[in-house]
């Protein structure tokens, strides 16, 4: 039986594979080439936020523009 993967799991794997800051626009663009090509901007935004709330991503705030970007966490968080 093939291994099941969720959209967020797939996106997290892509984020860990590729370097740089991840914005909603970048996540939306990558999701267009995923098994979930109809995922839009709002889905990408919610997925990034959910991954950050699970501790998988770090949120970076730009105080001048008010925009957010995300990077993968590389270390283990304390429980």
C-alpha atoms as a PDB file:
ATOM      1  CA  UNK A   1       0.000   0.000   0.000  1.00  0.00           C
ATOM      2  CA  UNK A   2       1.432   3.407  -0.927  1.00  0.00           C
ATOM      3  CA  UNK A   3       2.377   5.758   1.879  1.00  0.00           C
ATOM      4  CA  UNK A   4      -0.260   8.420   2.513  1.00  0.00           C
ATOM      5  CA  UNK A   5       0.915  12.017   2.780  1.00  0.00           C
ATOM      6  CA  UNK A   6      -1.036  15.107   3.659  1.00  0.00           C
ATOM      7  CA  UNK A   7      -0.819  18.419   1.850  1.00  0.00           C
ATOM      8  CA  UNK A   8       0.860  20.030   4.851  1.00  0.00           C
ATOM      9  CA  UNK A   9       3.297  17.142   5.157  1.00  0.00           C
ATOM     10  CA  UNK A  10       4.161  17.479   1.491  1.00  0.00           C
ATOM     11  CA  UNK A  11       4.623  21.252   1.815  1.00  0.00           C
ATOM     12  CA  UNK A  12       6.842  20.830   4.884  1.00  0.00           C
ATOM     13  CA  UNK A  13       9.039  18.375   2.977  1.00  0.00           C
ATOM     14  CA  UNK A  14       9.399  20.922   0.153  1.00  0.00           C
ATOM     15  CA  UNK A  15      10.237  23.712   2.608  1.00  0.00           C
ATOM     16  CA  UNK A  16      12.929  21.565   4.244  1.00  0.00           C
ATOM     17  CA  UNK A  17      14.378  20.691   0.829  1.00  0.00           C
ATOM     18  CA  UNK A  18      14.590  24.226  -0.541  1.00  0.00           C
ATOM     19  CA  UNK A  19      16.502  27.081   1.099  1.00  0.00           C
ATOM     20  CA  UNK A  20      15.311  30.592   1.828  1.00  0.00           C
ATOM     21  CA  UNK A  21      12.358  32.401   3.282  1.00  0.00           C
ATOM     22  CA  UNK A  22       8.896  31.050   2.575  1.00  0.00           C
ATOM     23  CA  UNK A  23       6.062  33.467   1.931  1.00  0.00           C
ATOM     24  CA  UNK A  24       2.451  32.751   1.088  1.00  0.00           C
ATOM     25  CA  UNK A  25       3.210  33.525  -2.556  1.00  0.00           C
ATOM     26  CA  UNK A  26       6.085  31.054  -2.671  1.00  0.00           C
ATOM     27  CA  UNK A  27       4.082  28.317  -0.937  1.00  0.00           C
ATOM     28  CA  UNK A  28       1.147  28.891  -3.292  1.00  0.00           C
ATOM     29  CA  UNK A  29       3.444  28.607  -6.297  1.00  0.00           C
ATOM     30  CA  UNK A  30       4.939  25.320  -5.070  1.00  0.00           C
ATOM     31  CA  UNK A  31       1.511  23.890  -4.243  1.00  0.00           C
ATOM     32  CA  UNK A  32       0.440  24.475  -7.868  1.00  0.00           C
ATOM     33  CA  UNK A  33       2.931  21.731  -8.842  1.00  0.00           C
ATOM     34  CA  UNK A  34       1.881  19.384  -6.050  1.00  0.00           C
ATOM     35  CA  UNK A  35      -0.711  16.605  -5.872  1.00  0.00           C
ATOM     36  CA  UNK A  36      -3.070  19.438  -4.738  1.00  0.00           C
ATOM     37  CA  UNK A  37      -2.767  21.882  -7.676  1.00  0.00           C
ATOM     38  CA  UNK A  38      -6.025  23.678  -6.891  1.00  0.00           C
ATOM     39  CA  UNK A  39      -4.739  24.914  -3.524  1.00  0.00           C
ATOM     40  CA  UNK A  40      -4.823  28.684  -3.511  1.00  0.00           C
ATOM     41  CA  UNK A  41      -3.427  31.591  -1.567  1.00  0.00           C
ATOM     42  CA  UNK A  42      -5.665  31.152   1.482  1.00  0.00           C
ATOM     43  CA  UNK A  43      -4.806  27.458   1.730  1.00  0.00           C
ATOM     44  CA  UNK A  44      -1.075  28.239   1.519  1.00  0.00           C
ATOM     45  CA  UNK A  45      -1.431  30.882   4.230  1.00  0.00           C
ATOM     46  CA  UNK A  46      -3.313  28.519   6.544  1.00  0.00           C
ATOM     47  CA  UNK A  47      -0.846  25.703   5.928  1.00  0.00           C
ATOM     48  CA  UNK A  48       2.154  27.897   6.777  1.00  0.00           C
ATOM     49  CA  UNK A  49       0.438  29.172   9.910  1.00  0.00           C
ATOM     50  CA  UNK A  50      -0.492  25.624  10.999  1.00  0.00           C
ATOM     51  CA  UNK A  51       3.047  24.350  10.442  1.00  0.00           C
ATOM     52  CA  UNK A  52       4.395  27.248  12.507  1.00  0.00           C
ATOM     53  CA  UNK A  53       1.929  26.557  15.321  1.00  0.00           C
ATOM     54  CA  UNK A  54       3.112  22.913  15.378  1.00  0.00           C
ATOM     55  CA  UNK A  55       6.673  24.169  15.809  1.00  0.00           C
ATOM     56  CA  UNK A  56       7.857  23.060  12.373  1.00  0.00           C
ATOM     57  CA  UNK A  57       8.480  26.611  11.087  1.00  0.00           C
ATOM     58  CA  UNK A  58       9.782  29.862  12.552  1.00  0.00           C
ATOM     59  CA  UNK A  59       7.885  33.051  11.741  1.00  0.00           C
ATOM     60  CA  UNK A  60       9.840  36.147  10.696  1.00  0.00           C
ATOM     61  CA  UNK A  61       8.038  39.506  10.812  1.00  0.00           C
ATOM     62  CA  UNK A  62       9.128  42.472   8.718  1.00  0.00           C
ATOM     63  CA  UNK A  63       8.235  45.480  10.864  1.00  0.00           C
ATOM     64  CA  UNK A  64       8.449  47.949   7.975  1.00  0.00           C
ATOM     65  CA  UNK A  65       6.046  46.160   5.627  1.00  0.00           C
ATOM     66  CA  UNK A  66       4.085  44.052   8.091  1.00  0.00           C
ATOM     67  CA  UNK A  67       4.745  40.921   6.029  1.00  0.00           C
ATOM     68  CA  UNK A  68       5.571  37.463   7.349  1.00  0.00           C
ATOM     69  CA  UNK A  69       7.963  34.836   6.126  1.00  0.00           C
ATOM     70  CA  UNK A  70       8.755  31.390   7.450  1.00  0.00           C
ATOM     71  CA  UNK A  71      11.849  29.211   7.734  1.00  0.00           C
ATOM     72  CA  UNK A  72      12.076  25.572   8.798  1.00  0.00           C
ATOM     73  CA  UNK A  73      13.111  24.776  12.355  1.00  0.00           C
ATOM     74  CA  UNK A  74      16.225  22.665  12.391  1.00  0.00           C
ATOM     75  CA  UNK A  75      16.557  21.968  16.106  1.00  0.00           C
ATOM     76  CA  UNK A  76      14.313  20.057  18.462  1.00  0.00           C
ATOM     77  CA  UNK A  77      11.998  22.204  20.570  1.00  0.00           C
ATOM     78  CA  UNK A  78      11.908  21.620  24.316  1.00  0.00           C
ATOM     79  CA  UNK A  79       8.752  19.827  25.380  1.00  0.00           C
END
